[in-house]
């Protein structure tokens, strides 16, 4: 199921993005279904795009691959580095080298 993104004024503890699994790991109440991602309003277009991608990847890692929060979060950070450094070209190979499952 595709993630639904909603934009909110504020996310607890100053986060700019949050998904249900990350909220649970941090002990933060989250009142949306598991496929809903919160993104803070007012971010620049670039930051908003990167945050959306990060939260989607992180949620997928935790929900589909059954990763713990820190593992999913770190894989999301690594994927951002790979995608930004190697746009489209060799991305799958680089992700595999970092230990991502296909």
PDB file of N, CA and C in Angstrom:
ATOM      1  N   UNK A   1       0.839  -1.180   0.000  1.00  0.00           N
ATOM      2  CA  UNK A   1       0.000   0.000   0.000  1.00  0.00           C
ATOM      3  C   UNK A   1       0.887   1.247   0.000  1.00  0.00           C
ATOM      4  N   UNK A   2       0.548   2.196  -0.819  1.00  0.00           N
ATOM      5  CA  UNK A   2       1.304   3.448  -0.924  1.00  0.00           C
ATOM      6  C   UNK A   2       1.112   4.293   0.328  1.00  0.00           C
ATOM      7  N   UNK A   3       2.198   4.928   0.755  1.00  0.00           N
ATOM      8  CA  UNK A   3       2.119   5.809   1.918  1.00  0.00           C
ATOM      9  C   UNK A   3       1.346   7.076   1.573  1.00  0.00           C
ATOM     10  N   UNK A   4       0.562   7.537   2.525  1.00  0.00           N
ATOM     11  CA  UNK A   4      -0.146   8.807   2.392  1.00  0.00           C
ATOM     12  C   UNK A   4       0.628   9.828   3.211  1.00  0.00           C
ATOM     13  N   UNK A   5       0.885  10.975   2.653  1.00  0.00           N
ATOM     14  CA  UNK A   5       1.649  12.010   3.346  1.00  0.00           C
ATOM     15  C   UNK A   5       0.695  13.135   3.736  1.00  0.00           C
ATOM     16  N   UNK A   6       0.763  13.502   5.020  1.00  0.00           N
ATOM     17  CA  UNK A   6      -0.017  14.640   5.492  1.00  0.00           C
ATOM     18  C   UNK A   6       0.964  15.677   6.044  1.00  0.00           C
ATOM     19  N   UNK A   7       0.567  16.935   5.950  1.00  0.00           N
ATOM     20  CA  UNK A   7       1.422  18.032   6.406  1.00  0.00           C
ATOM     21  C   UNK A   7       0.803  18.629   7.665  1.00  0.00           C
ATOM     22  N   UNK A   8       1.636  18.730   8.700  1.00  0.00           N
ATOM     23  CA  UNK A   8       1.154  19.199  10.005  1.00  0.00           C
ATOM     24  C   UNK A   8       1.976  20.389  10.463  1.00  0.00           C
ATOM     25  N   UNK A   9       1.375  21.204  11.355  1.00  0.00           N
ATOM     26  CA  UNK A   9       2.075  22.387  11.870  1.00  0.00           C
ATOM     27  C   UNK A   9       3.276  22.018  12.723  1.00  0.00           C
ATOM     28  N   UNK A  10       3.111  20.977  13.537  1.00  0.00           N
ATOM     29  CA  UNK A  10       4.163  20.650  14.492  1.00  0.00           C
ATOM     30  C   UNK A  10       4.200  19.151  14.725  1.00  0.00           C
ATOM     31  N   UNK A  11       5.416  18.625  14.865  1.00  0.00           N
ATOM     32  CA  UNK A  11       5.610  17.238  15.251  1.00  0.00           C
ATOM     33  C   UNK A  11       6.342  17.262  16.586  1.00  0.00           C
ATOM     34  N   UNK A  12       5.895  16.441  17.494  1.00  0.00           N
ATOM     35  CA  UNK A  12       6.449  16.424  18.852  1.00  0.00           C
ATOM     36  C   UNK A  12       7.971  16.275  18.838  1.00  0.00           C
ATOM     37  N   UNK A  13       8.623  16.969  19.754  1.00  0.00           N
ATOM     38  CA  UNK A  13      10.080  16.947  19.965  1.00  0.00           C
ATOM     39  C   UNK A  13      10.879  17.543  18.810  1.00  0.00           C
ATOM     40  N   UNK A  14      10.235  18.315  17.947  1.00  0.00           N
ATOM     41  CA  UNK A  14      10.943  19.040  16.905  1.00  0.00           C
ATOM     42  C   UNK A  14      11.292  18.250  15.660  1.00  0.00           C
ATOM     43  N   UNK A  15      10.758  17.042  15.502  1.00  0.00           N
ATOM     44  CA  UNK A  15      11.023  16.271  14.285  1.00  0.00           C
ATOM     45  C   UNK A  15      10.383  16.963  13.089  1.00  0.00           C
ATOM     46  N   UNK A  16      10.942  16.745  11.897  1.00  0.00           N
ATOM     47  CA  UNK A  16      10.342  17.321  10.696  1.00  0.00           C
ATOM     48  C   UNK A  16       9.599  16.265   9.889  1.00  0.00           C
ATOM     49  N   UNK A  17       9.747  14.998  10.262  1.00  0.00           N
ATOM     50  CA  UNK A  17       9.020  13.912   9.631  1.00  0.00           C
ATOM     51  C   UNK A  17       8.821  12.795  10.636  1.00  0.00           C
ATOM     52  N   UNK A  18       7.707  12.052  10.480  1.00  0.00           N
ATOM     53  CA  UNK A  18       7.434  10.974  11.430  1.00  0.00           C
ATOM     54  C   UNK A  18       6.533   9.947  10.765  1.00  0.00           C
ATOM     55  N   UNK A  19       6.798   8.684  11.060  1.00  0.00           N
ATOM     56  CA  UNK A  19       5.914   7.610  10.638  1.00  0.00           C
ATOM     57  C   UNK A  19       5.521   6.809  11.878  1.00  0.00           C
ATOM     58  N   UNK A  20       4.512   5.958  11.755  1.00  0.00           N
ATOM     59  CA  UNK A  20       3.960   5.257  12.919  1.00  0.00           C
ATOM     60  C   UNK A  20       5.004   4.396  13.628  1.00  0.00           C
ATOM     61  N   UNK A  21       5.845   3.696  12.868  1.00  0.00           N
ATOM     62  CA  UNK A  21       6.841   2.819  13.478  1.00  0.00           C
ATOM     63  C   UNK A  21       7.910   3.613  14.225  1.00  0.00           C
ATOM     64  N   UNK A  22       8.336   4.734  13.653  1.00  0.00           N
ATOM     65  CA  UNK A  22       9.333   5.581  14.322  1.00  0.00           C
ATOM     66  C   UNK A  22       8.726   6.204  15.581  1.00  0.00           C
ATOM     67  N   UNK A  23       7.477   6.631  15.496  1.00  0.00           N
ATOM     68  CA  UNK A  23       6.809   7.211  16.669  1.00  0.00           C
ATOM     69  C   UNK A  23       6.738   6.181  17.794  1.00  0.00           C
ATOM     70  N   UNK A  24       6.401   4.957  17.454  1.00  0.00           N
ATOM     71  CA  UNK A  24       6.328   3.889  18.455  1.00  0.00           C
ATOM     72  C   UNK A  24       7.697   3.665  19.098  1.00  0.00           C
ATOM     73  N   UNK A  25       8.751   3.650  18.285  1.00  0.00           N
ATOM     74  CA  UNK A  25      10.105   3.446  18.801  1.00  0.00           C
ATOM     75  C   UNK A  25      10.530   4.563  19.753  1.00  0.00           C
ATOM     76  N   UNK A  26      10.027   5.775  19.520  1.00  0.00           N
ATOM     77  CA  UNK A  26      10.362   6.929  20.357  1.00  0.00           C
ATOM     78  C   UNK A  26       9.359   7.165  21.485  1.00  0.00           C
ATOM     79  N   UNK A  27       8.309   6.344  21.546  1.00  0.00           N
ATOM     80  CA  UNK A  27       7.299   6.515  22.574  1.00  0.00           C
ATOM     81  C   UNK A  27       6.439   7.752  22.367  1.00  0.00           C
ATOM     82  N   UNK A  28       6.258   8.146  21.104  1.00  0.00           N
ATOM     83  CA  UNK A  28       5.462   9.325  20.764  1.00  0.00           C
ATOM     84  C   UNK A  28       4.072   8.868  20.316  1.00  0.00           C
ATOM     85  N   UNK A  29       3.006   9.435  20.897  1.00  0.00           N
ATOM     86  CA  UNK A  29       1.658   9.068  20.442  1.00  0.00           C
ATOM     87  C   UNK A  29       1.487   9.410  18.952  1.00  0.00           C
ATOM     88  N   UNK A  30       0.879   8.513  18.222  1.00  0.00           N
ATOM     89  CA  UNK A  30       0.687   8.709  16.782  1.00  0.00           C
ATOM     90  C   UNK A  30      -0.719   8.248  16.453  1.00  0.00           C
ATOM     91  N   UNK A  31      -1.557   9.151  16.004  1.00  0.00           N
ATOM     92  CA  UNK A  31      -2.972   8.865  15.851  1.00  0.00           C
ATOM     93  C   UNK A  31      -3.396   8.708  14.388  1.00  0.00           C
ATOM     94  N   UNK A  32      -2.528   8.115  13.572  1.00  0.00           N
ATOM     95  CA  UNK A  32      -2.842   7.894  12.157  1.00  0.00           C
ATOM     96  C   UNK A  32      -2.627   6.424  11.827  1.00  0.00           C
ATOM     97  N   UNK A  33      -3.211   5.939  10.735  1.00  0.00           N
ATOM     98  CA  UNK A  33      -2.942   4.561  10.303  1.00  0.00           C
ATOM     99  C   UNK A  33      -1.455   4.382   9.959  1.00  0.00           C
ATOM    100  N   UNK A  34      -1.024   3.128   9.868  1.00  0.00           N
ATOM    101  CA  UNK A  34       0.405   2.859   9.665  1.00  0.00           C
ATOM    102  C   UNK A  34       0.950   3.338   8.320  1.00  0.00           C
ATOM    103  N   UNK A  35       0.103   3.551   7.329  1.00  0.00           N
ATOM    104  CA  UNK A  35       0.604   3.997   6.032  1.00  0.00           C
ATOM    105  C   UNK A  35       0.615   5.524   5.885  1.00  0.00           C
ATOM    106  N   UNK A  36       0.374   6.250   6.984  1.00  0.00           N
ATOM    107  CA  UNK A  36       0.356   7.716   6.946  1.00  0.00           C
ATOM    108  C   UNK A  36       1.669   8.255   7.514  1.00  0.00           C
ATOM    109  N   UNK A  37       2.279   9.173   6.784  1.00  0.00           N
ATOM    110  CA  UNK A  37       3.519   9.819   7.201  1.00  0.00           C
ATOM    111  C   UNK A  37       3.226  11.296   7.430  1.00  0.00           C
ATOM    112  N   UNK A  38       3.689  11.815   8.565  1.00  0.00           N
ATOM    113  CA  UNK A  38       3.544  13.242   8.862  1.00  0.00           C
ATOM    114  C   UNK A  38       4.810  13.977   8.434  1.00  0.00           C
ATOM    115  N   UNK A  39       4.638  15.099   7.770  1.00  0.00           N
ATOM    116  CA  UNK A  39       5.747  15.980   7.400  1.00  0.00           C
ATOM    117  C   UNK A  39       5.393  17.376   7.893  1.00  0.00           C
ATOM    118  N   UNK A  40       6.347  18.045   8.485  1.00  0.00           N
ATOM    119  CA  UNK A  40       6.116  19.392   9.010  1.00  0.00           C
ATOM    120  C   UNK A  40       5.877  20.371   7.864  1.00  0.00           C
ATOM    121  N   UNK A  41       4.875  21.230   8.044  1.00  0.00           N
ATOM    122  CA  UNK A  41       4.593  22.280   7.056  1.00  0.00           C
ATOM    123  C   UNK A  41       5.711  23.311   7.062  1.00  0.00           C
ATOM    124  N   UNK A  42       5.882  24.002   5.946  1.00  0.00           N
ATOM    125  CA  UNK A  42       6.794  25.136   5.877  1.00  0.00           C
ATOM    126  C   UNK A  42       8.227  24.788   5.512  1.00  0.00           C
ATOM    127  N   UNK A  43       8.501  23.521   5.183  1.00  0.00           N
ATOM    128  CA  UNK A  43       9.857  23.154   4.771  1.00  0.00           C
ATOM    129  C   UNK A  43      10.080  23.583   3.330  1.00  0.00           C
ATOM    130  N   UNK A  44      11.330  23.823   2.989  1.00  0.00           N
ATOM    131  CA  UNK A  44      11.627  24.139   1.588  1.00  0.00           C
ATOM    132  C   UNK A  44      11.299  22.915   0.728  1.00  0.00           C
ATOM    133  N   UNK A  45      11.116  23.124  -0.542  1.00  0.00           N
ATOM    134  CA  UNK A  45      10.743  22.048  -1.458  1.00  0.00           C
ATOM    135  C   UNK A  45      11.762  20.901  -1.410  1.00  0.00           C
ATOM    136  N   UNK A  46      13.042  21.233  -1.392  1.00  0.00           N
ATOM    137  CA  UNK A  46      14.095  20.221  -1.373  1.00  0.00           C
ATOM    138  C   UNK A  46      14.094  19.441  -0.067  1.00  0.00           C
ATOM    139  N   UNK A  47      14.011  20.136   1.056  1.00  0.00           N
ATOM    140  CA  UNK A  47      14.003  19.462   2.366  1.00  0.00           C
ATOM    141  C   UNK A  47      12.757  18.599   2.492  1.00  0.00           C
ATOM    142  N   UNK A  48      11.620  19.106   2.047  1.00  0.00           N
ATOM    143  CA  UNK A  48      10.370  18.349   2.106  1.00  0.00           C
ATOM    144  C   UNK A  48      10.492  17.054   1.295  1.00  0.00           C
ATOM    145  N   UNK A  49      11.044  17.148   0.089  1.00  0.00           N
ATOM    146  CA  UNK A  49      11.199  15.974  -0.780  1.00  0.00           C
ATOM    147  C   UNK A  49      12.108  14.928  -0.128  1.00  0.00           C
ATOM    148  N   UNK A  50      13.248  15.367   0.401  1.00  0.00           N
ATOM    149  CA  UNK A  50      14.178  14.438   1.045  1.00  0.00           C
ATOM    150  C   UNK A  50      13.563  13.822   2.305  1.00  0.00           C
ATOM    151  N   UNK A  51      12.816  14.606   3.049  1.00  0.00           N
ATOM    152  CA  UNK A  51      12.181  14.097   4.265  1.00  0.00           C
ATOM    153  C   UNK A  51      11.115  13.064   3.923  1.00  0.00           C
ATOM    154  N   UNK A  52      10.324  13.341   2.899  1.00  0.00           N
ATOM    155  CA  UNK A  52       9.309  12.380   2.461  1.00  0.00           C
ATOM    156  C   UNK A  52       9.966  11.061   2.052  1.00  0.00           C
ATOM    157  N   UNK A  53      11.027  11.132   1.244  1.00  0.00           N
ATOM    158  CA  UNK A  53      11.722   9.924   0.800  1.00  0.00           C
ATOM    159  C   UNK A  53      12.324   9.169   1.978  1.00  0.00           C
ATOM    160  N   UNK A  54      12.923   9.909   2.915  1.00  0.00           N
ATOM    161  CA  UNK A  54      13.532   9.286   4.086  1.00  0.00           C
ATOM    162  C   UNK A  54      12.477   8.542   4.905  1.00  0.00           C
ATOM    163  N   UNK A  55      11.374   9.198   5.192  1.00  0.00           N
ATOM    164  CA  UNK A  55      10.321   8.591   6.009  1.00  0.00           C
ATOM    165  C   UNK A  55       9.692   7.386   5.316  1.00  0.00           C
ATOM    166  N   UNK A  56       9.504   7.461   4.001  1.00  0.00           N
ATOM    167  CA  UNK A  56       8.954   6.330   3.263  1.00  0.00           C
ATOM    168  C   UNK A  56       9.914   5.138   3.305  1.00  0.00           C
ATOM    169  N   UNK A  57      11.186   5.396   3.094  1.00  0.00           N
ATOM    170  CA  UNK A  57      12.174   4.317   3.122  1.00  0.00           C
ATOM    171  C   UNK A  57      12.255   3.719   4.526  1.00  0.00           C
ATOM    172  N   UNK A  58      12.328   4.578   5.532  1.00  0.00           N
ATOM    173  CA  UNK A  58      12.432   4.145   6.919  1.00  0.00           C
ATOM    174  C   UNK A  58      11.225   3.285   7.307  1.00  0.00           C
ATOM    175  N   UNK A  59      10.030   3.753   6.973  1.00  0.00           N
ATOM    176  CA  UNK A  59       8.820   2.997   7.302  1.00  0.00           C
ATOM    177  C   UNK A  59       8.806   1.655   6.590  1.00  0.00           C
ATOM    178  N   UNK A  60       9.217   1.661   5.331  1.00  0.00           N
ATOM    179  CA  UNK A  60       9.269   0.410   4.569  1.00  0.00           C
ATOM    180  C   UNK A  60      10.252  -0.572   5.219  1.00  0.00           C
ATOM    181  N   UNK A  61      11.422  -0.097   5.601  1.00  0.00           N
ATOM    182  CA  UNK A  61      12.429  -0.963   6.226  1.00  0.00           C
ATOM    183  C   UNK A  61      11.894  -1.579   7.520  1.00  0.00           C
ATOM    184  N   UNK A  62      11.198  -0.783   8.318  1.00  0.00           N
ATOM    185  CA  UNK A  62      10.691  -1.288   9.586  1.00  0.00           C
ATOM    186  C   UNK A  62       9.454  -2.170   9.407  1.00  0.00           C
ATOM    187  N   UNK A  63       8.567  -1.764   8.520  1.00  0.00           N
ATOM    188  CA  UNK A  63       7.309  -2.478   8.371  1.00  0.00           C
ATOM    189  C   UNK A  63       7.452  -3.733   7.504  1.00  0.00           C
ATOM    190  N   UNK A  64       8.109  -3.616   6.379  1.00  0.00           N
ATOM    191  CA  UNK A  64       8.207  -4.728   5.433  1.00  0.00           C
ATOM    192  C   UNK A  64       9.385  -5.658   5.715  1.00  0.00           C
ATOM    193  N   UNK A  65      10.520  -5.074   6.106  1.00  0.00           N
ATOM    194  CA  UNK A  65      11.718  -5.884   6.360  1.00  0.00           C
ATOM    195  C   UNK A  65      11.879  -6.222   7.837  1.00  0.00           C
ATOM    196  N   UNK A  66      10.983  -5.723   8.683  1.00  0.00           N
ATOM    197  CA  UNK A  66      10.995  -5.977  10.128  1.00  0.00           C
ATOM    198  C   UNK A  66      12.290  -5.528  10.800  1.00  0.00           C
ATOM    199  N   UNK A  67      12.808  -4.400  10.330  1.00  0.00           N
ATOM    200  CA  UNK A  67      14.007  -3.817  10.937  1.00  0.00           C
ATOM    201  C   UNK A  67      13.606  -3.030  12.180  1.00  0.00           C
ATOM    202  N   UNK A  68      14.517  -2.894  13.108  1.00  0.00           N
ATOM    203  CA  UNK A  68      14.291  -2.017  14.255  1.00  0.00           C
ATOM    204  C   UNK A  68      14.452  -0.577  13.786  1.00  0.00           C
ATOM    205  N   UNK A  69      13.980   0.374  14.611  1.00  0.00           N
ATOM    206  CA  UNK A  69      14.004   1.775  14.201  1.00  0.00           C
ATOM    207  C   UNK A  69      15.391   2.240  13.782  1.00  0.00           C
ATOM    208  N   UNK A  70      16.399   2.029  14.613  1.00  0.00           N
ATOM    209  CA  UNK A  70      17.730   2.572  14.313  1.00  0.00           C
ATOM    210  C   UNK A  70      18.320   1.958  13.047  1.00  0.00           C
ATOM    211  N   UNK A  71      18.069   0.683  12.816  1.00  0.00           N
ATOM    212  CA  UNK A  71      18.552   0.045  11.591  1.00  0.00           C
ATOM    213  C   UNK A  71      17.839   0.633  10.383  1.00  0.00           C
ATOM    214  N   UNK A  72      16.511   0.757  10.456  1.00  0.00           N
ATOM    215  CA  UNK A  72      15.752   1.344   9.349  1.00  0.00           C
ATOM    216  C   UNK A  72      16.136   2.779   9.092  1.00  0.00           C
ATOM    217  N   UNK A  73      16.335   3.535  10.168  1.00  0.00           N
ATOM    218  CA  UNK A  73      16.733   4.939  10.040  1.00  0.00           C
ATOM    219  C   UNK A  73      18.120   5.049   9.391  1.00  0.00           C
ATOM    220  N   UNK A  74      19.066   4.243   9.840  1.00  0.00           N
ATOM    221  CA  UNK A  74      20.413   4.289   9.267  1.00  0.00           C
ATOM    222  C   UNK A  74      20.424   3.854   7.809  1.00  0.00           C
ATOM    223  N   UNK A  75      19.613   2.863   7.457  1.00  0.00           N
ATOM    224  CA  UNK A  75      19.525   2.448   6.048  1.00  0.00           C
ATOM    225  C   UNK A  75      18.910   3.562   5.202  1.00  0.00           C
ATOM    226  N   UNK A  76      17.939   4.273   5.763  1.00  0.00           N
ATOM    227  CA  UNK A  76      17.343   5.406   5.039  1.00  0.00           C
ATOM    228  C   UNK A  76      18.389   6.489   4.799  1.00  0.00           C
ATOM    229  N   UNK A  77      19.218   6.763   5.807  1.00  0.00           N
ATOM    230  CA  UNK A  77      20.292   7.755   5.645  1.00  0.00           C
ATOM    231  C   UNK A  77      21.301   7.308   4.595  1.00  0.00           C
ATOM    232  N   UNK A  78      21.681   6.029   4.633  1.00  0.00           N
ATOM    233  CA  UNK A  78      22.636   5.508   3.646  1.00  0.00           C
ATOM    234  C   UNK A  78      22.054   5.571   2.239  1.00  0.00           C
ATOM    235  N   UNK A  79      20.767   5.246   2.101  1.00  0.00           N
ATOM    236  CA  UNK A  79      20.154   5.292   0.776  1.00  0.00           C
ATOM    237  C   UNK A  79      20.146   6.710   0.229  1.00  0.00           C
ATOM    238  N   UNK A  80      19.939   7.694   1.110  1.00  0.00           N
ATOM    239  CA  UNK A  80      19.978   9.093   0.668  1.00  0.00           C
ATOM    240  C   UNK A  80      21.364   9.435   0.136  1.00  0.00           C
ATOM    241  N   UNK A  81      22.393   8.990   0.826  1.00  0.00           N
ATOM    242  CA  UNK A  81      23.765   9.275   0.398  1.00  0.00           C
ATOM    243  C   UNK A  81      24.048   8.633  -0.950  1.00  0.00           C
ATOM    244  N   UNK A  82      23.589   7.397  -1.135  1.00  0.00           N
ATOM    245  CA  UNK A  82      23.820   6.698  -2.400  1.00  0.00           C
ATOM    246  C   UNK A  82      23.067   7.370  -3.532  1.00  0.00           C
ATOM    247  N   UNK A  83      21.798   7.669  -3.308  1.00  0.00           N
ATOM    248  CA  UNK A  83      20.977   8.257  -4.367  1.00  0.00           C
ATOM    249  C   UNK A  83      21.500   9.639  -4.746  1.00  0.00           C
ATOM    250  N   UNK A  84      21.914  10.429  -3.762  1.00  0.00           N
ATOM    251  CA  UNK A  84      22.436  11.761  -4.066  1.00  0.00           C
ATOM    252  C   UNK A  84      23.803  11.707  -4.736  1.00  0.00           C
ATOM    253  N   UNK A  85      24.608  10.734  -4.353  1.00  0.00           N
ATOM    254  CA  UNK A  85      25.952  10.631  -4.915  1.00  0.00           C
ATOM    255  C   UNK A  85      25.957   9.938  -6.275  1.00  0.00           C
ATOM    256  N   UNK A  86      25.050   8.977  -6.451  1.00  0.00           N
ATOM    257  CA  UNK A  86      25.008   8.191  -7.681  1.00  0.00           C
ATOM    258  C   UNK A  86      23.608   8.222  -8.276  1.00  0.00           C
ATOM    259  N   UNK A  87      23.142   9.365  -8.717  1.00  0.00           N
ATOM    260  CA  UNK A  87      21.772   9.420  -9.221  1.00  0.00           C
ATOM    261  C   UNK A  87      21.571   8.465 -10.396  1.00  0.00           C
ATOM    262  N   UNK A  88      20.639   7.515 -10.204  1.00  0.00           N
ATOM    263  CA  UNK A  88      20.216   6.555 -11.206  1.00  0.00           C
ATOM    264  C   UNK A  88      21.338   5.602 -11.627  1.00  0.00           C
ATOM    265  N   UNK A  89      22.499   6.089 -11.978  1.00  0.00           N
ATOM    266  CA  UNK A  89      23.578   5.238 -12.476  1.00  0.00           C
ATOM    267  C   UNK A  89      24.186   4.422 -11.328  1.00  0.00           C
ATOM    268  N   UNK A  90      24.173   3.121 -11.449  1.00  0.00           N
ATOM    269  CA  UNK A  90      24.773   2.189 -10.485  1.00  0.00           C
ATOM    270  C   UNK A  90      24.122   2.211  -9.106  1.00  0.00           C
ATOM    271  N   UNK A  91      22.942   2.768  -8.966  1.00  0.00           N
ATOM    272  CA  UNK A  91      22.318   2.873  -7.651  1.00  0.00           C
ATOM    273  C   UNK A  91      22.053   1.505  -7.047  1.00  0.00           C
ATOM    274  N   UNK A  92      21.484   0.569  -7.814  1.00  0.00           N
ATOM    275  CA  UNK A  92      21.179  -0.757  -7.272  1.00  0.00           C
ATOM    276  C   UNK A  92      22.433  -1.470  -6.796  1.00  0.00           C
ATOM    277  N   UNK A  93      23.505  -1.379  -7.560  1.00  0.00           N
ATOM    278  CA  UNK A  93      24.762  -2.018  -7.184  1.00  0.00           C
ATOM    279  C   UNK A  93      25.316  -1.407  -5.895  1.00  0.00           C
ATOM    280  N   UNK A  94      25.251  -0.095  -5.784  1.00  0.00           N
ATOM    281  CA  UNK A  94      25.764   0.584  -4.591  1.00  0.00           C
ATOM    282  C   UNK A  94      24.919   0.244  -3.362  1.00  0.00           C
ATOM    283  N   UNK A  95      23.589   0.184  -3.528  1.00  0.00           N
ATOM    284  CA  UNK A  95      22.730  -0.190  -2.410  1.00  0.00           C
ATOM    285  C   UNK A  95      23.023  -1.619  -1.948  1.00  0.00           C
ATOM    286  N   UNK A  96      23.217  -2.535  -2.895  1.00  0.00           N
ATOM    287  CA  UNK A  96      23.543  -3.910  -2.550  1.00  0.00           C
ATOM    288  C   UNK A  96      24.870  -3.987  -1.793  1.00  0.00           C
ATOM    289  N   UNK A  97      25.846  -3.191  -2.220  1.00  0.00           N
ATOM    290  CA  UNK A  97      27.153  -3.178  -1.549  1.00  0.00           C
ATOM    291  C   UNK A  97      27.038  -2.685  -0.107  1.00  0.00           C
ATOM    292  N   UNK A  98      26.032  -1.860   0.172  1.00  0.00           N
ATOM    293  CA  UNK A  98      25.811  -1.359   1.535  1.00  0.00           C
ATOM    294  C   UNK A  98      24.973  -2.302   2.385  1.00  0.00           C
ATOM    295  N   UNK A  99      24.567  -3.436   1.803  1.00  0.00           N
ATOM    296  CA  UNK A  99      23.845  -4.432   2.583  1.00  0.00           C
ATOM    297  C   UNK A  99      22.335  -4.366   2.483  1.00  0.00           C
ATOM    298  N   UNK A 100      21.816  -3.654   1.503  1.00  0.00           N
ATOM    299  CA  UNK A 100      20.369  -3.589   1.337  1.00  0.00           C
ATOM    300  C   UNK A 100      19.868  -4.846   0.657  1.00  0.00           C
ATOM    301  N   UNK A 101      18.686  -5.285   1.080  1.00  0.00           N
ATOM    302  CA  UNK A 101      18.035  -6.420   0.433  1.00  0.00           C
ATOM    303  C   UNK A 101      17.340  -5.917  -0.819  1.00  0.00           C
ATOM    304  N   UNK A 102      17.229  -6.776  -1.778  1.00  0.00           N
ATOM    305  CA  UNK A 102      16.546  -6.379  -3.004  1.00  0.00           C
ATOM    306  C   UNK A 102      15.066  -6.615  -2.889  1.00  0.00           C
TER     307      UNK A 102
END
